[in-house]
PDB file of N, CA and C in Angstrom:
ATOM      1  N   MET A   1       0.846  -1.162   0.000  1.00  0.00           N
ATOM      2  CA  MET A   1       0.000   0.000   0.000  1.00  0.00           C
ATOM      3  C   MET A   1       0.900   1.235   0.000  1.00  0.00           C
ATOM      4  N   THR A   2       0.743   2.042  -1.003  1.00  0.00           N
ATOM      5  CA  THR A   2       1.572   3.241  -1.130  1.00  0.00           C
ATOM      6  C   THR A   2       0.799   4.455  -0.617  1.00  0.00           C
ATOM      7  N   GLU A   3       1.546   5.536  -0.477  1.00  0.00           N
ATOM      8  CA  GLU A   3       0.915   6.779  -0.028  1.00  0.00           C
ATOM      9  C   GLU A   3      -0.097   7.282  -1.039  1.00  0.00           C
ATOM     10  N   SER A   4       0.218   7.157  -2.304  1.00  0.00           N
ATOM     11  CA  SER A   4      -0.703   7.644  -3.334  1.00  0.00           C
ATOM     12  C   SER A   4      -2.002   6.853  -3.329  1.00  0.00           C
ATOM     13  N   TYR A   5      -1.916   5.546  -3.058  1.00  0.00           N
ATOM     14  CA  TYR A   5      -3.129   4.737  -2.988  1.00  0.00           C
ATOM     15  C   TYR A   5      -4.003   5.172  -1.816  1.00  0.00           C
ATOM     16  N   VAL A   6      -3.383   5.394  -0.669  1.00  0.00           N
ATOM     17  CA  VAL A   6      -4.133   5.808   0.521  1.00  0.00           C
ATOM     18  C   VAL A   6      -4.777   7.172   0.288  1.00  0.00           C
ATOM     19  N   LEU A   7      -4.033   8.098  -0.296  1.00  0.00           N
ATOM     20  CA  LEU A   7      -4.593   9.418  -0.577  1.00  0.00           C
ATOM     21  C   LEU A   7      -5.743   9.342  -1.575  1.00  0.00           C
ATOM     22  N   THR A   8      -5.582   8.540  -2.603  1.00  0.00           N
ATOM     23  CA  THR A   8      -6.654   8.370  -3.584  1.00  0.00           C
ATOM     24  C   THR A   8      -7.876   7.720  -2.949  1.00  0.00           C
ATOM     25  N   PHE A   9      -7.646   6.734  -2.096  1.00  0.00           N
ATOM     26  CA  PHE A   9      -8.743   6.066  -1.409  1.00  0.00           C
ATOM     27  C   PHE A   9      -9.547   7.043  -0.566  1.00  0.00           C
ATOM     28  N   PHE A  10      -8.866   7.851   0.243  1.00  0.00           N
ATOM     29  CA  PHE A  10      -9.565   8.806   1.093  1.00  0.00           C
ATOM     30  C   PHE A  10     -10.188   9.947   0.289  1.00  0.00           C
ATOM     31  N   GLN A  11      -9.547  10.342  -0.791  1.00  0.00           N
ATOM     32  CA  GLN A  11     -10.123  11.379  -1.653  1.00  0.00           C
ATOM     33  C   GLN A  11     -11.423  10.877  -2.280  1.00  0.00           C
ATOM     34  N   ASN A  12     -11.422   9.635  -2.744  1.00  0.00           N
ATOM     35  CA  ASN A  12     -12.637   9.066  -3.317  1.00  0.00           C
ATOM     36  C   ASN A  12     -13.724   8.904  -2.255  1.00  0.00           C
ATOM     37  N   ALA A  13     -13.333   8.521  -1.041  1.00  0.00           N
ATOM     38  CA  ALA A  13     -14.306   8.356   0.038  1.00  0.00           C
ATOM     39  C   ALA A  13     -14.962   9.686   0.396  1.00  0.00           C
ATOM     40  N   ILE A  14     -14.171  10.734   0.476  1.00  0.00           N
ATOM     41  CA  ILE A  14     -14.726  12.056   0.787  1.00  0.00           C
ATOM     42  C   ILE A  14     -15.594  12.554  -0.353  1.00  0.00           C
ATOM     43  N   THR A  15     -15.174  12.317  -1.581  1.00  0.00           N
ATOM     44  CA  THR A  15     -15.960  12.740  -2.735  1.00  0.00           C
ATOM     45  C   THR A  15     -17.312  12.043  -2.769  1.00  0.00           C
ATOM     46  N   ILE A  16     -17.336  10.747  -2.551  1.00  0.00           N
ATOM     47  CA  ILE A  16     -18.603  10.019  -2.582  1.00  0.00           C
ATOM     48  C   ILE A  16     -19.485  10.440  -1.410  1.00  0.00           C
ATOM     49  N   ALA A  17     -18.897  10.748  -0.265  1.00  0.00           N
ATOM     50  CA  ALA A  17     -19.684  11.218   0.882  1.00  0.00           C
ATOM     51  C   ALA A  17     -20.335  12.560   0.580  1.00  0.00           C
ATOM     52  N   VAL A  18     -19.597  13.461  -0.036  1.00  0.00           N
ATOM     53  CA  VAL A  18     -20.147  14.770  -0.394  1.00  0.00           C
ATOM     54  C   VAL A  18     -21.250  14.630  -1.440  1.00  0.00           C
ATOM     55  N   ILE A  19     -21.046  13.751  -2.410  1.00  0.00           N
ATOM     56  CA  ILE A  19     -22.052  13.538  -3.453  1.00  0.00           C
ATOM     57  C   ILE A  19     -23.329  12.948  -2.861  1.00  0.00           C
ATOM     58  N   LEU A  20     -23.195  12.027  -1.924  1.00  0.00           N
ATOM     59  CA  LEU A  20     -24.372  11.381  -1.343  1.00  0.00           C
ATOM     60  C   LEU A  20     -25.121  12.283  -0.367  1.00  0.00           C
ATOM     61  N   VAL A  21     -24.421  13.088   0.376  1.00  0.00           N
ATOM     62  CA  VAL A  21     -25.052  13.923   1.391  1.00  0.00           C
ATOM     63  C   VAL A  21     -25.482  15.275   0.836  1.00  0.00           C
ATOM     64  N   GLY A  22     -24.900  15.688  -0.264  1.00  0.00           N
ATOM     65  CA  GLY A  22     -25.160  17.004  -0.837  1.00  0.00           C
ATOM     66  C   GLY A  22     -26.616  17.346  -1.088  1.00  0.00           C
ATOM     67  N   PRO A  23     -27.371  16.496  -1.784  1.00  0.00           N
ATOM     68  CA  PRO A  23     -28.767  16.868  -2.052  1.00  0.00           C
ATOM     69  C   PRO A  23     -29.602  17.064  -0.794  1.00  0.00           C
ATOM     70  N   ALA A  24     -29.435  16.216   0.196  1.00  0.00           N
ATOM     71  CA  ALA A  24     -30.215  16.349   1.434  1.00  0.00           C
ATOM     72  C   ALA A  24     -29.818  17.617   2.193  1.00  0.00           C
ATOM     73  N   LEU A  25     -28.522  17.894   2.267  1.00  0.00           N
ATOM     74  CA  LEU A  25     -28.078  19.093   2.974  1.00  0.00           C
ATOM     75  C   LEU A  25     -28.494  20.361   2.244  1.00  0.00           C
ATOM     76  N   LEU A  26     -28.419  20.337   0.926  1.00  0.00           N
ATOM     77  CA  LEU A  26     -28.789  21.517   0.150  1.00  0.00           C
ATOM     78  C   LEU A  26     -30.277  21.821   0.293  1.00  0.00           C
ATOM     79  N   THR A  27     -31.121  20.801   0.216  1.00  0.00           N
ATOM     80  CA  THR A  27     -32.546  21.051   0.386  1.00  0.00           C
ATOM     81  C   THR A  27     -32.877  21.487   1.807  1.00  0.00           C
ATOM     82  N   SER A  28     -32.187  20.934   2.790  1.00  0.00           N
ATOM     83  CA  SER A  28     -32.395  21.356   4.165  1.00  0.00           C
ATOM     84  C   SER A  28     -31.996  22.820   4.347  1.00  0.00           C
ATOM     85  N   LEU A  29     -30.920  23.227   3.710  1.00  0.00           N
ATOM     86  CA  LEU A  29     -30.474  24.614   3.781  1.00  0.00           C
ATOM     87  C   LEU A  29     -31.484  25.547   3.131  1.00  0.00           C
ATOM     88  N   ILE A  30     -31.996  25.162   1.972  1.00  0.00           N
ATOM     89  CA  ILE A  30     -32.956  26.008   1.261  1.00  0.00           C
ATOM     90  C   ILE A  30     -34.257  26.120   2.051  1.00  0.00           C
ATOM     91  N   VAL A  31     -34.783  24.995   2.543  1.00  0.00           N
ATOM     92  CA  VAL A  31     -36.031  25.019   3.312  1.00  0.00           C
ATOM     93  C   VAL A  31     -35.849  25.815   4.601  1.00  0.00           C
ATOM     94  N   GLY A  32     -34.740  25.638   5.273  1.00  0.00           N
ATOM     95  CA  GLY A  32     -34.474  26.393   6.495  1.00  0.00           C
ATOM     96  C   GLY A  32     -34.396  27.887   6.242  1.00  0.00           C
ATOM     97  N   SER A  33     -33.770  28.270   5.135  1.00  0.00           N
ATOM     98  CA  SER A  33     -33.675  29.690   4.797  1.00  0.00           C
ATOM     99  C   SER A  33     -35.043  30.278   4.466  1.00  0.00           C
ATOM    100  N   LEU A  34     -35.848  29.531   3.718  1.00  0.00           N
ATOM    101  CA  LEU A  34     -37.190  30.022   3.372  1.00  0.00           C
ATOM    102  C   LEU A  34     -38.071  30.150   4.618  1.00  0.00           C
ATOM    103  N   ILE A  35     -37.988  29.180   5.509  1.00  0.00           N
ATOM    104  CA  ILE A  35     -38.791  29.262   6.736  1.00  0.00           C
ATOM    105  C   ILE A  35     -38.287  30.392   7.630  1.00  0.00           C
ATOM    106  N   SER A  36     -36.994  30.577   7.667  1.00  0.00           N
ATOM    107  CA  SER A  36     -36.435  31.682   8.447  1.00  0.00           C
ATOM    108  C   SER A  36     -36.897  33.021   7.892  1.00  0.00           C
ATOM    109  N   LEU A  37     -36.925  33.143   6.577  1.00  0.00           N
ATOM    110  CA  LEU A  37     -37.419  34.364   5.940  1.00  0.00           C
ATOM    111  C   LEU A  37     -38.893  34.577   6.272  1.00  0.00           C
ATOM    112  N   PHE A  38     -39.681  33.499   6.225  1.00  0.00           N
ATOM    113  CA  PHE A  38     -41.094  33.577   6.584  1.00  0.00           C
ATOM    114  C   PHE A  38     -41.271  33.985   8.042  1.00  0.00           C
ATOM    115  N   GLN A  39     -40.452  33.424   8.927  1.00  0.00           N
ATOM    116  CA  GLN A  39     -40.550  33.756  10.341  1.00  0.00           C
ATOM    117  C   GLN A  39     -40.203  35.215  10.602  1.00  0.00           C
ATOM    118  N   SER A  40     -39.198  35.715   9.917  1.00  0.00           N
ATOM    119  CA  SER A  40     -38.826  37.108  10.142  1.00  0.00           C
ATOM    120  C   SER A  40     -39.857  38.056   9.536  1.00  0.00           C
ATOM    121  N   ALA A  41     -40.512  37.649   8.454  1.00  0.00           N
ATOM    122  CA  ALA A  41     -41.527  38.506   7.837  1.00  0.00           C
ATOM    123  C   ALA A  41     -42.801  38.545   8.676  1.00  0.00           C
ATOM    124  N   THR A  42     -43.152  37.431   9.294  1.00  0.00           N
ATOM    125  CA  THR A  42     -44.386  37.376  10.070  1.00  0.00           C
ATOM    126  C   THR A  42     -44.154  37.560  11.566  1.00  0.00           C
ATOM    127  N   GLN A  43     -42.934  37.687  11.982  1.00  0.00           N
ATOM    128  CA  GLN A  43     -42.534  37.842  13.379  1.00  0.00           C
ATOM    129  C   GLN A  43     -42.995  36.670  14.251  1.00  0.00           C
ATOM    130  N   ILE A  44     -43.061  35.487  13.657  1.00  0.00           N
ATOM    131  CA  ILE A  44     -43.322  34.268  14.422  1.00  0.00           C
ATOM    132  C   ILE A  44     -41.960  33.694  14.788  1.00  0.00           C
ATOM    133  N   GLN A  45     -41.614  33.748  16.051  1.00  0.00           N
ATOM    134  CA  GLN A  45     -40.299  33.286  16.476  1.00  0.00           C
ATOM    135  C   GLN A  45     -40.419  31.971  17.240  1.00  0.00           C
ATOM    136  N   GLU A  46     -40.885  30.954  16.557  1.00  0.00           N
ATOM    137  CA  GLU A  46     -41.005  29.625  17.136  1.00  0.00           C
ATOM    138  C   GLU A  46     -39.830  28.784  16.652  1.00  0.00           C
ATOM    139  N   ALA A  47     -39.008  28.322  17.564  1.00  0.00           N
ATOM    140  CA  ALA A  47     -37.787  27.606  17.189  1.00  0.00           C
ATOM    141  C   ALA A  47     -38.072  26.243  16.575  1.00  0.00           C
ATOM    142  N   THR A  48     -39.162  25.619  16.975  1.00  0.00           N
ATOM    143  CA  THR A  48     -39.454  24.272  16.483  1.00  0.00           C
ATOM    144  C   THR A  48     -40.173  24.273  15.139  1.00  0.00           C
ATOM    145  N   LEU A  49     -40.519  25.435  14.612  1.00  0.00           N
ATOM    146  CA  LEU A  49     -41.251  25.517  13.357  1.00  0.00           C
ATOM    147  C   LEU A  49     -40.445  25.004  12.168  1.00  0.00           C
ATOM    148  N   THR A  50     -39.140  25.066  12.237  1.00  0.00           N
ATOM    149  CA  THR A  50     -38.317  24.653  11.097  1.00  0.00           C
ATOM    150  C   THR A  50     -38.098  23.150  11.023  1.00  0.00           C
ATOM    151  N   PHE A  51     -38.262  22.440  12.124  1.00  0.00           N
ATOM    152  CA  PHE A  51     -37.899  21.027  12.144  1.00  0.00           C
ATOM    153  C   PHE A  51     -38.797  20.144  11.288  1.00  0.00           C
ATOM    154  N   VAL A  52     -40.098  20.288  11.423  1.00  0.00           N
ATOM    155  CA  VAL A  52     -41.015  19.404  10.700  1.00  0.00           C
ATOM    156  C   VAL A  52     -40.895  19.564   9.182  1.00  0.00           C
ATOM    157  N   PRO A  53     -40.918  20.781   8.639  1.00  0.00           N
ATOM    158  CA  PRO A  53     -40.752  20.885   7.182  1.00  0.00           C
ATOM    159  C   PRO A  53     -39.407  20.353   6.685  1.00  0.00           C
ATOM    160  N   LYS A  54     -38.350  20.591   7.456  1.00  0.00           N
ATOM    161  CA  LYS A  54     -37.042  20.069   7.051  1.00  0.00           C
ATOM    162  C   LYS A  54     -37.047  18.549   7.027  1.00  0.00           C
ATOM    163  N   ILE A  55     -37.613  17.926   8.045  1.00  0.00           N
ATOM    164  CA  ILE A  55     -37.645  16.464   8.104  1.00  0.00           C
ATOM    165  C   ILE A  55     -38.453  15.906   6.944  1.00  0.00           C
ATOM    166  N   VAL A  56     -39.594  16.534   6.652  1.00  0.00           N
ATOM    167  CA  VAL A  56     -40.445  16.052   5.562  1.00  0.00           C
ATOM    168  C   VAL A  56     -39.741  16.200   4.217  1.00  0.00           C
ATOM    169  N   ILE A  57     -39.159  17.364   3.962  1.00  0.00           N
ATOM    170  CA  ILE A  57     -38.501  17.614   2.670  1.00  0.00           C
ATOM    171  C   ILE A  57     -37.275  16.729   2.503  1.00  0.00           C
ATOM    172  N   VAL A  58     -36.467  16.593   3.532  1.00  0.00           N
ATOM    173  CA  VAL A  58     -35.279  15.732   3.432  1.00  0.00           C
ATOM    174  C   VAL A  58     -35.701  14.279   3.260  1.00  0.00           C
ATOM    175  N   GLY A  59     -36.758  13.868   3.920  1.00  0.00           N
ATOM    176  CA  GLY A  59     -37.280  12.513   3.725  1.00  0.00           C
ATOM    177  C   GLY A  59     -37.733  12.287   2.294  1.00  0.00           C
ATOM    178  N   LEU A  60     -38.398  13.280   1.702  1.00  0.00           N
ATOM    179  CA  LEU A  60     -38.813  13.175   0.297  1.00  0.00           C
ATOM    180  C   LEU A  60     -37.614  13.105  -0.641  1.00  0.00           C
ATOM    181  N   VAL A  61     -36.610  13.918  -0.367  1.00  0.00           N
ATOM    182  CA  VAL A  61     -35.405  13.900  -1.213  1.00  0.00           C
ATOM    183  C   VAL A  61     -34.724  12.543  -1.130  1.00  0.00           C
ATOM    184  N   ILE A  62     -34.635  11.996   0.060  1.00  0.00           N
ATOM    185  CA  ILE A  62     -34.004  10.678   0.211  1.00  0.00           C
ATOM    186  C   ILE A  62     -34.855   9.602  -0.454  1.00  0.00           C
ATOM    187  N   ALA A  63     -36.185   9.736  -0.369  1.00  0.00           N
ATOM    188  CA  ALA A  63     -37.064   8.758  -1.012  1.00  0.00           C
ATOM    189  C   ALA A  63     -36.943   8.834  -2.533  1.00  0.00           C
ATOM    190  N   ILE A  64     -36.819  10.044  -3.059  1.00  0.00           N
ATOM    191  CA  ILE A  64     -36.717  10.216  -4.515  1.00  0.00           C
ATOM    192  C   ILE A  64     -35.336   9.824  -5.025  1.00  0.00           C
ATOM    193  N   LEU A  65     -34.291  10.265  -4.343  1.00  0.00           N
ATOM    194  CA  LEU A  65     -32.922  10.027  -4.820  1.00  0.00           C
ATOM    195  C   LEU A  65     -32.254   8.827  -4.151  1.00  0.00           C
ATOM    196  N   GLY A  66     -32.993   8.088  -3.339  1.00  0.00           N
ATOM    197  CA  GLY A  66     -32.401   6.972  -2.610  1.00  0.00           C
ATOM    198  C   GLY A  66     -31.823   5.893  -3.500  1.00  0.00           C
ATOM    199  N   GLY A  67     -32.516   5.586  -4.591  1.00  0.00           N
ATOM    200  CA  GLY A  67     -32.003   4.572  -5.512  1.00  0.00           C
ATOM    201  C   GLY A  67     -30.693   4.993  -6.151  1.00  0.00           C
ATOM    202  N   TRP A  68     -30.631   6.250  -6.562  1.00  0.00           N
ATOM    203  CA  TRP A  68     -29.398   6.776  -7.166  1.00  0.00           C
ATOM    204  C   TRP A  68     -28.264   6.780  -6.145  1.00  0.00           C
ATOM    205  N   MET A  69     -28.579   7.183  -4.908  1.00  0.00           N
ATOM    206  CA  MET A  69     -27.563   7.186  -3.855  1.00  0.00           C
ATOM    207  C   MET A  69     -27.056   5.775  -3.582  1.00  0.00           C
ATOM    208  N   LEU A  70     -27.974   4.825  -3.564  1.00  0.00           N
ATOM    209  CA  LEU A  70     -27.585   3.436  -3.323  1.00  0.00           C
ATOM    210  C   LEU A  70     -26.722   2.903  -4.460  1.00  0.00           C
ATOM    211  N   GLU A  71     -27.040   3.254  -5.698  1.00  0.00           N
ATOM    212  CA  GLU A  71     -26.214   2.832  -6.836  1.00  0.00           C
ATOM    213  C   GLU A  71     -24.796   3.370  -6.708  1.00  0.00           C
ATOM    214  N   LYS A  72     -24.674   4.658  -6.337  1.00  0.00           N
ATOM    215  CA  LYS A  72     -23.349   5.260  -6.162  1.00  0.00           C
ATOM    216  C   LYS A  72     -22.577   4.555  -5.050  1.00  0.00           C
ATOM    217  N   LEU A  73     -23.252   4.278  -3.946  1.00  0.00           N
ATOM    218  CA  LEU A  73     -22.599   3.631  -2.806  1.00  0.00           C
ATOM    219  C   LEU A  73     -22.188   2.203  -3.134  1.00  0.00           C
ATOM    220  N   ILE A  74     -23.032   1.482  -3.857  1.00  0.00           N
ATOM    221  CA  ILE A  74     -22.691   0.109  -4.249  1.00  0.00           C
ATOM    222  C   ILE A  74     -21.522   0.110  -5.225  1.00  0.00           C
ATOM    223  N   ALA A  75     -21.509   1.053  -6.168  1.00  0.00           N
ATOM    224  CA  ALA A  75     -20.400   1.136  -7.122  1.00  0.00           C
ATOM    225  C   ALA A  75     -19.084   1.425  -6.396  1.00  0.00           C
ATOM    226  N   TYR A  76     -19.123   2.335  -5.428  1.00  0.00           N
ATOM    227  CA  TYR A  76     -17.903   2.655  -4.682  1.00  0.00           C
ATOM    228  C   TYR A  76     -17.452   1.464  -3.837  1.00  0.00           C
ATOM    229  N   THR A  77     -18.392   0.810  -3.177  1.00  0.00           N
ATOM    230  CA  THR A  77     -18.049  -0.345  -2.355  1.00  0.00           C
ATOM    231  C   THR A  77     -17.477  -1.471  -3.197  1.00  0.00           C
ATOM    232  N   THR A  78     -18.061  -1.694  -4.360  1.00  0.00           N
ATOM    233  CA  THR A  78     -17.529  -2.708  -5.278  1.00  0.00           C
ATOM    234  C   THR A  78     -16.114  -2.365  -5.709  1.00  0.00           C
ATOM    235  N   GLN A  79     -15.887  -1.086  -5.997  1.00  0.00           N
ATOM    236  CA  GLN A  79     -14.550  -0.642  -6.391  1.00  0.00           C
ATOM    237  C   GLN A  79     -13.545  -0.875  -5.257  1.00  0.00           C
ATOM    238  N   VAL A  80     -13.953  -0.609  -4.029  1.00  0.00           N
ATOM    239  CA  VAL A  80     -13.061  -0.816  -2.890  1.00  0.00           C
ATOM    240  C   VAL A  80     -12.745  -2.299  -2.719  1.00  0.00           C
ATOM    241  N   PHE A  81     -13.776  -3.154  -2.811  1.00  0.00           N
ATOM    242  CA  PHE A  81     -13.543  -4.589  -2.653  1.00  0.00           C
ATOM    243  C   PHE A  81     -12.713  -5.166  -3.787  1.00  0.00           C
ATOM    244  N   GLU A  82     -12.874  -4.641  -5.002  1.00  0.00           N
ATOM    245  CA  GLU A  82     -12.075  -5.128  -6.120  1.00  0.00           C
ATOM    246  C   GLU A  82     -10.626  -4.687  -6.005  1.00  0.00           C
ATOM    247  N   SER A  83     -10.366  -3.592  -5.305  1.00  0.00           N
ATOM    248  CA  SER A  83      -8.977  -3.140  -5.171  1.00  0.00           C
ATOM    249  C   SER A  83      -8.264  -3.768  -3.967  1.00  0.00           C
ATOM    250  N   LEU A  84      -8.957  -4.564  -3.181  1.00  0.00           N
ATOM    251  CA  LEU A  84      -8.323  -5.204  -2.018  1.00  0.00           C
ATOM    252  C   LEU A  84      -7.153  -6.112  -2.370  1.00  0.00           C
ATOM    253  N   PRO A  85      -7.225  -6.911  -3.454  1.00  0.00           N
ATOM    254  CA  PRO A  85      -6.071  -7.748  -3.775  1.00  0.00           C
ATOM    255  C   PRO A  85      -4.797  -6.949  -4.062  1.00  0.00           C
ATOM    256  N   MET A  86      -4.930  -5.712  -4.505  1.00  0.00           N
ATOM    257  CA  MET A  86      -3.752  -4.902  -4.782  1.00  0.00           C
ATOM    258  C   MET A  86      -3.057  -4.491  -3.487  1.00  0.00           C
ATOM    259  N   LEU A  87      -3.781  -4.510  -2.369  1.00  0.00           N
ATOM    260  CA  LEU A  87      -3.190  -4.126  -1.093  1.00  0.00           C
ATOM    261  C   LEU A  87      -2.220  -5.175  -0.569  1.00  0.00           C
ATOM    262  N   VAL A  88      -2.409  -6.423  -0.970  1.00  0.00           N
ATOM    263  CA  VAL A  88      -1.574  -7.514  -0.465  1.00  0.00           C
ATOM    264  C   VAL A  88      -0.177  -7.457  -1.069  1.00  0.00           C
ATOM    265  N   ARG A  89      -0.072  -6.933  -2.249  1.00  0.00           N
ATOM    266  CA  ARG A  89       1.238  -6.901  -2.939  1.00  0.00           C
ATOM    267  C   ARG A  89       2.256  -6.100  -2.216  1.00  0.00           C
TER     268      ARG A  89
END
């Protein structure tokens, strides 16, 4: 196992993590910002108001993109398992 292999492995792991988590985090950020804007416009300062819409929207995003996320994760896992024999050398 060389340094370049380890760096490439961790770079790919971080990249796949960002790709998989990105849509859920981005939608959570957008929904939170819109609700915050609504709260400031209507002067409703309820801290728990943002949680339910965020949970629902993120759940929908995961339900819609879950298959694609699983395909990406399976492809990466397969790639990792296929590269294991190279580690023994």
